[in-house]
N, C-alpha and C. Protein backbone atom coordinates (compact mmCIF):
# COMPACT_ATOMS: atom_id res chain seq x y z
N MET A 1 1.32 -11.00 78.68
CA MET A 1 0.65 -12.08 78.25
C MET A 1 -0.40 -12.39 79.41
N SER A 2 -1.53 -12.79 79.69
CA SER A 2 -1.90 -13.17 80.39
C SER A 2 -1.85 -15.03 80.36
N GLN A 3 -2.60 -15.66 81.60
CA GLN A 3 -2.78 -16.95 81.39
C GLN A 3 -4.23 -17.46 81.65
N TYR A 4 -4.44 -18.50 80.85
CA TYR A 4 -5.94 -19.15 80.61
C TYR A 4 -6.05 -20.46 81.52
N LEU A 5 -7.23 -20.90 81.94
CA LEU A 5 -7.43 -22.47 82.29
C LEU A 5 -7.91 -23.01 81.19
N VAL A 6 -7.94 -23.81 80.39
CA VAL A 6 -8.58 -24.35 79.77
C VAL A 6 -9.01 -25.77 79.96
N LEU A 7 -10.34 -25.89 80.70
CA LEU A 7 -11.37 -26.82 81.12
C LEU A 7 -11.87 -27.49 79.88
N ILE A 8 -11.35 -29.16 80.27
CA ILE A 8 -11.98 -29.84 78.68
C ILE A 8 -13.03 -30.80 79.54
N TYR A 9 -14.07 -30.92 78.71
CA TYR A 9 -15.04 -31.54 79.75
C TYR A 9 -15.68 -32.54 77.99
N GLY A 10 -16.55 -33.80 79.07
CA GLY A 10 -17.12 -34.40 77.81
C GLY A 10 -17.40 -35.39 78.30
N ASP A 11 -18.00 -36.79 77.69
CA ASP A 11 -18.97 -37.46 78.01
C ASP A 11 -17.99 -39.30 78.95
N GLU A 12 -17.89 -38.92 79.73
CA GLU A 12 -17.44 -40.38 80.57
C GLU A 12 -17.79 -41.41 80.05
N PRO A 13 -18.97 -41.88 79.56
CA PRO A 13 -19.27 -43.36 79.15
C PRO A 13 -18.64 -43.67 77.91
N THR A 14 -18.83 -42.36 76.78
CA THR A 14 -18.22 -42.52 75.76
C THR A 14 -16.41 -41.94 75.48
N TYR A 15 -16.18 -41.99 76.50
CA TYR A 15 -14.53 -42.50 76.98
C TYR A 15 -13.82 -43.51 77.16
N ALA A 16 -15.19 -44.27 78.07
CA ALA A 16 -14.96 -45.47 78.67
C ALA A 16 -15.04 -46.65 77.67
N ALA A 17 -16.08 -46.64 76.47
CA ALA A 17 -15.95 -47.19 75.40
C ALA A 17 -15.13 -47.50 74.74
N MET A 18 -14.56 -46.09 74.63
CA MET A 18 -13.49 -46.07 73.50
C MET A 18 -12.47 -47.36 73.05
N SER A 19 -12.91 -47.77 71.91
CA SER A 19 -11.36 -48.59 71.57
C SER A 19 -9.99 -48.61 71.80
N PRO A 20 -9.21 -48.96 71.78
CA PRO A 20 -7.53 -49.11 72.26
C PRO A 20 -7.79 -47.57 70.86
N ALA A 21 -7.77 -48.26 69.98
CA ALA A 21 -7.22 -47.54 68.58
C ALA A 21 -8.14 -46.03 68.46
N GLU A 22 -9.40 -45.81 69.23
CA GLU A 22 -10.26 -44.77 69.34
C GLU A 22 -9.24 -43.97 70.50
N ARG A 23 -8.99 -44.56 71.58
CA ARG A 23 -8.07 -43.57 72.59
C ARG A 23 -6.40 -43.10 71.84
N ALA A 24 -5.84 -44.20 71.31
CA ALA A 24 -4.81 -43.82 70.61
C ALA A 24 -5.08 -42.77 69.62
N ASP A 25 -6.04 -42.52 69.09
CA ASP A 25 -6.23 -41.33 68.07
C ASP A 25 -6.56 -39.83 69.22
N MET A 26 -7.21 -39.69 69.71
CA MET A 26 -7.45 -38.96 70.95
C MET A 26 -6.20 -38.76 71.71
N LEU A 27 -5.54 -39.47 71.77
CA LEU A 27 -3.86 -39.25 72.49
C LEU A 27 -3.23 -38.58 71.36
N ALA A 28 -3.25 -39.08 69.74
CA ALA A 28 -2.34 -38.19 69.16
C ALA A 28 -3.26 -36.92 68.69
N ALA A 29 -4.51 -36.83 68.69
CA ALA A 29 -4.94 -35.44 68.88
C ALA A 29 -4.16 -34.29 69.72
N HIS A 30 -4.19 -34.69 71.09
CA HIS A 30 -4.05 -34.14 71.63
C HIS A 30 -2.45 -33.68 71.85
N ARG A 31 -1.72 -34.46 71.33
CA ARG A 31 -0.19 -34.45 70.88
C ARG A 31 -0.49 -33.05 69.76
N THR A 32 -1.06 -33.29 68.89
CA THR A 32 -1.24 -32.50 67.72
C THR A 32 -1.03 -30.79 68.13
N PHE A 33 -2.43 -30.85 68.91
CA PHE A 33 -2.51 -29.80 69.67
C PHE A 33 -1.66 -28.89 70.58
N GLN A 34 -0.84 -29.73 71.11
CA GLN A 34 0.19 -29.29 72.03
C GLN A 34 1.24 -28.83 71.49
N GLN A 35 1.59 -29.42 70.11
CA GLN A 35 2.80 -29.12 69.36
C GLN A 35 1.77 -27.73 68.58
N ILE A 36 0.38 -27.67 68.00
CA ILE A 36 -0.03 -26.30 67.69
C ILE A 36 0.28 -24.95 68.81
N ALA A 37 -0.33 -25.25 70.44
CA ALA A 37 0.15 -24.40 70.87
C ALA A 37 1.46 -23.75 71.54
N GLY A 38 2.34 -24.78 71.18
CA GLY A 38 3.52 -24.59 71.31
C GLY A 38 3.91 -23.78 72.37
N ALA A 39 4.80 -23.36 72.96
CA ALA A 39 5.27 -22.57 73.58
C ALA A 39 3.58 -21.97 74.60
N ALA A 40 3.18 -21.70 74.24
CA ALA A 40 1.92 -21.35 74.95
C ALA A 40 1.09 -21.83 75.97
N ASN A 41 1.36 -23.67 75.42
CA ASN A 41 0.73 -24.31 76.56
C ASN A 41 1.89 -24.45 77.59
N LEU A 42 1.72 -24.05 78.49
CA LEU A 42 2.47 -23.81 80.01
C LEU A 42 2.11 -25.33 80.73
N GLY A 43 1.22 -25.80 80.33
CA GLY A 43 0.92 -27.35 81.05
C GLY A 43 -0.24 -28.23 80.69
N GLY A 44 -0.77 -29.02 81.13
CA GLY A 44 -2.17 -29.56 80.57
C GLY A 44 -1.90 -31.25 81.64
N HIS A 45 -2.78 -31.93 81.48
CA HIS A 45 -3.22 -33.59 82.19
C HIS A 45 -4.28 -34.13 82.20
N ALA A 46 -4.72 -34.98 81.74
CA ALA A 46 -5.69 -35.56 81.69
C ALA A 46 -6.42 -35.94 83.30
N LEU A 47 -7.92 -36.06 83.53
CA LEU A 47 -7.90 -36.36 85.17
C LEU A 47 -8.49 -37.84 85.20
N GLN A 48 -8.46 -38.72 86.01
CA GLN A 48 -8.80 -39.53 86.60
C GLN A 48 -10.11 -39.79 86.50
N PRO A 49 -11.12 -40.65 86.07
CA PRO A 49 -12.97 -40.64 86.30
C PRO A 49 -13.51 -39.90 87.69
N THR A 50 -14.63 -39.49 87.43
CA THR A 50 -15.27 -38.48 88.26
C THR A 50 -15.85 -39.74 89.72
N ALA A 51 -15.34 -41.06 89.04
CA ALA A 51 -15.65 -41.92 90.07
C ALA A 51 -14.74 -42.00 91.09
N THR A 52 -13.61 -41.47 90.54
CA THR A 52 -11.98 -41.50 91.68
C THR A 52 -12.16 -40.28 92.78
N ALA A 53 -12.92 -39.63 92.55
CA ALA A 53 -13.09 -38.34 93.08
C ALA A 53 -13.51 -38.36 94.21
N THR A 54 -12.65 -37.52 95.26
CA THR A 54 -13.24 -37.22 96.35
C THR A 54 -13.50 -35.72 96.99
N SER A 55 -14.69 -35.29 97.47
CA SER A 55 -15.03 -33.77 97.55
C SER A 55 -15.31 -33.47 99.03
N ILE A 56 -14.51 -32.40 99.53
CA ILE A 56 -14.33 -31.76 100.64
C ILE A 56 -15.28 -30.58 100.59
N ARG A 57 -16.14 -30.81 101.80
CA ARG A 57 -17.47 -29.64 101.83
C ARG A 57 -17.43 -29.57 103.58
N HIS A 58 -17.30 -28.27 103.50
CA HIS A 58 -17.91 -27.54 105.09
C HIS A 58 -19.50 -27.57 105.64
N ASP A 59 -19.74 -27.98 106.44
CA ASP A 59 -21.30 -28.03 106.90
C ASP A 59 -21.71 -26.68 107.44
N ALA A 60 -22.76 -26.64 107.93
CA ALA A 60 -23.56 -25.23 108.54
C ALA A 60 -22.81 -24.95 109.46
N THR A 61 -22.27 -26.04 110.39
CA THR A 61 -20.80 -26.04 111.68
C THR A 61 -19.43 -25.53 111.52
N GLY A 62 -19.16 -25.52 110.19
CA GLY A 62 -17.96 -25.48 109.88
C GLY A 62 -16.83 -26.80 109.88
N GLU A 63 -18.10 -27.86 109.89
CA GLU A 63 -17.16 -29.51 110.41
C GLU A 63 -16.74 -29.92 108.52
N VAL A 64 -15.48 -30.27 108.54
CA VAL A 64 -15.71 -31.01 107.47
C VAL A 64 -16.32 -32.47 106.89
N VAL A 65 -16.82 -32.15 106.00
CA VAL A 65 -17.69 -33.48 105.27
C VAL A 65 -17.06 -33.67 104.28
N VAL A 66 -16.31 -35.09 103.94
CA VAL A 66 -15.71 -36.10 103.04
C VAL A 66 -16.42 -36.70 102.80
N THR A 67 -16.89 -36.53 101.22
CA THR A 67 -18.12 -37.86 100.48
C THR A 67 -16.87 -38.29 99.08
N ASP A 68 -17.15 -39.02 98.77
CA ASP A 68 -16.54 -40.04 97.25
C ASP A 68 -17.16 -39.89 96.25
N GLY A 69 -16.61 -39.38 95.05
CA GLY A 69 -17.69 -38.35 94.09
C GLY A 69 -17.27 -36.66 93.92
N PRO A 70 -17.79 -37.11 92.65
CA PRO A 70 -17.79 -35.48 92.16
C PRO A 70 -17.93 -33.98 92.97
N PHE A 71 -17.73 -33.41 93.12
CA PHE A 71 -18.21 -32.07 93.55
C PHE A 71 -19.68 -31.92 93.18
N ALA A 72 -19.91 -31.88 92.24
CA ALA A 72 -21.36 -31.73 91.31
C ALA A 72 -21.62 -33.08 90.13
N GLU A 73 -22.78 -33.84 90.10
CA GLU A 73 -22.96 -34.49 89.31
C GLU A 73 -23.02 -33.68 87.91
N ALA A 74 -22.67 -34.59 87.33
CA ALA A 74 -22.91 -33.53 85.52
C ALA A 74 -22.80 -34.43 84.16
N LYS A 75 -24.13 -34.18 83.11
CA LYS A 75 -23.62 -35.29 82.16
C LYS A 75 -21.91 -35.10 81.49
N GLU A 76 -21.94 -34.39 81.20
CA GLU A 76 -20.06 -33.88 80.94
C GLU A 76 -19.05 -33.75 82.18
N ALA A 77 -18.65 -34.29 82.27
CA ALA A 77 -17.54 -34.05 83.45
C ALA A 77 -15.82 -33.54 82.66
N LEU A 78 -15.87 -33.07 84.34
CA LEU A 78 -14.07 -32.68 83.80
C LEU A 78 -13.16 -33.45 83.56
N GLY A 79 -12.88 -33.58 82.41
CA GLY A 79 -11.48 -34.55 82.05
C GLY A 79 -10.06 -34.26 82.05
N GLY A 80 -10.10 -33.15 82.37
CA GLY A 80 -8.70 -32.72 82.16
C GLY A 80 -8.42 -30.94 82.01
N TYR A 81 -7.09 -30.76 81.68
CA TYR A 81 -7.22 -29.29 81.56
C TYR A 81 -5.84 -29.11 80.79
N TYR A 82 -6.11 -27.57 80.25
CA TYR A 82 -4.59 -27.01 79.73
C TYR A 82 -4.20 -25.88 80.45
N LEU A 83 -3.00 -25.39 80.57
CA LEU A 83 -2.69 -23.68 80.98
C LEU A 83 -1.86 -23.23 79.45
N LEU A 84 -2.94 -22.18 79.38
CA LEU A 84 -2.33 -21.85 78.20
C LEU A 84 -1.96 -20.13 78.29
N GLU A 85 -0.83 -19.50 77.98
CA GLU A 85 -0.55 -18.15 78.07
C GLU A 85 -0.71 -17.47 76.92
N ALA A 86 -1.78 -16.41 76.27
CA ALA A 86 -2.09 -15.86 75.34
C ALA A 86 -1.73 -14.42 75.74
N PRO A 87 -1.76 -13.14 74.19
CA PRO A 87 -1.55 -11.89 75.14
C PRO A 87 -3.39 -11.52 75.69
N ASP A 88 -3.98 -12.09 75.09
CA ASP A 88 -5.98 -11.60 75.69
C ASP A 88 -6.26 -13.08 75.20
N LEU A 89 -8.43 -12.50 75.97
CA LEU A 89 -8.80 -13.63 75.76
C LEU A 89 -9.21 -14.16 74.57
N ASP A 90 -8.99 -13.32 73.31
CA ASP A 90 -9.70 -13.59 71.98
C ASP A 90 -8.58 -14.53 71.49
N ALA A 91 -7.13 -14.31 71.91
CA ALA A 91 -5.92 -14.95 71.33
C ALA A 91 -6.47 -16.71 72.20
N ALA A 92 -6.81 -16.96 73.66
CA ALA A 92 -7.08 -17.94 74.46
C ALA A 92 -8.27 -18.41 73.62
N ILE A 93 -9.23 -18.14 73.26
CA ILE A 93 -10.28 -18.60 73.27
C ILE A 93 -9.92 -18.95 71.31
N ALA A 94 -9.13 -18.75 70.78
CA ALA A 94 -9.01 -19.06 69.60
C ALA A 94 -8.23 -20.56 69.38
N LEU A 95 -7.10 -20.48 70.23
CA LEU A 95 -6.36 -21.62 70.80
C LEU A 95 -7.14 -22.50 70.89
N ALA A 96 -7.70 -22.06 72.40
CA ALA A 96 -8.80 -23.15 72.28
C ALA A 96 -9.69 -23.98 72.28
N ALA A 97 -10.33 -23.66 71.07
CA ALA A 97 -11.07 -24.33 70.42
C ALA A 97 -10.56 -25.15 69.35
N GLN A 98 -9.23 -24.93 69.39
CA GLN A 98 -8.39 -26.85 68.54
C GLN A 98 -8.40 -26.95 69.81
N VAL A 99 -8.20 -27.65 70.34
CA VAL A 99 -8.66 -28.59 71.96
C VAL A 99 -9.34 -29.77 71.47
N PRO A 100 -8.87 -30.61 71.12
CA PRO A 100 -9.75 -31.69 70.79
C PRO A 100 -11.26 -32.59 71.91
N THR A 101 -12.64 -32.40 71.52
CA THR A 101 -13.39 -32.64 72.41
C THR A 101 -14.47 -33.16 71.49
N PRO A 102 -14.48 -34.71 71.24
CA PRO A 102 -15.72 -35.29 70.35
C PRO A 102 -16.26 -35.36 70.92
N THR A 103 -16.57 -35.42 72.28
CA THR A 103 -18.06 -35.78 72.90
C THR A 103 -18.58 -34.84 73.93
N GLY A 104 -17.81 -33.07 74.04
CA GLY A 104 -18.03 -32.39 74.67
C GLY A 104 -17.56 -30.78 74.49
N GLY A 105 -16.63 -29.89 75.33
CA GLY A 105 -16.40 -29.03 74.78
C GLY A 105 -15.31 -28.36 75.83
N VAL A 106 -14.93 -27.02 75.99
CA VAL A 106 -14.09 -26.86 76.73
C VAL A 106 -14.68 -25.09 77.32
N GLU A 107 -13.99 -25.08 78.85
CA GLU A 107 -14.26 -24.02 78.93
C GLU A 107 -12.98 -23.05 79.10
N VAL A 108 -12.88 -21.50 78.71
CA VAL A 108 -11.68 -21.07 79.22
C VAL A 108 -11.88 -20.08 79.99
N ARG A 109 -10.76 -20.10 81.14
CA ARG A 109 -11.05 -18.99 82.28
C ARG A 109 -10.03 -18.31 82.78
N PRO A 110 -9.90 -17.06 82.46
CA PRO A 110 -8.42 -16.50 83.07
C PRO A 110 -8.16 -16.47 84.38
N ILE A 111 -6.73 -16.85 84.72
CA ILE A 111 -6.37 -17.18 85.75
C ILE A 111 -6.13 -15.74 86.50
N GLN A 112 -6.90 -15.38 87.55
CA GLN A 112 -6.66 -14.22 88.58
C GLN A 112 -5.29 -14.44 89.06
N VAL A 113 -4.80 -13.17 89.70
CA VAL A 113 -3.54 -13.29 89.92
C VAL A 113 -3.47 -12.39 90.80
N PHE A 114 -2.58 -12.81 92.11
CA PHE A 114 -3.34 -12.21 93.49
C PHE A 114 -1.51 -11.34 93.77
N GLU A 115 -1.09 -10.33 94.34
CA GLU A 115 0.04 -9.84 94.51
C GLU A 115 -0.11 -10.20 95.93
N PRO A 116 1.74 -10.35 96.02
CA PRO A 116 1.96 -11.01 97.37
C PRO A 116 1.92 -10.08 98.40
N ALA A 117 1.48 -10.64 99.56
CA ALA A 117 0.96 -9.41 101.33
C ALA A 117 2.33 -8.77 101.17
């Protein structure tokens, strides 16, 4: 079995404008996905809005530069993730296609495993 990170992207202003009932519906949809995924769901969480992000880069001299805000500006922001276990990419995609994403989509990325030195 392989592991896949499912990155959930969406439109932050749309999420921010959701009513409490709409937020409850979204949470229920994610709970339903978690039940569908069952043991294949190894974990996941929602992320705070990009306004809470802190980015860390190294400049040309190697100095650390810390700035407020996301690493990259984008219309659709990374809003959460699931870590899934699946026999292959096709199975991971089939499962990830069921993640609720009313204002965006998901990206499926295989986890690269490094052997201990």
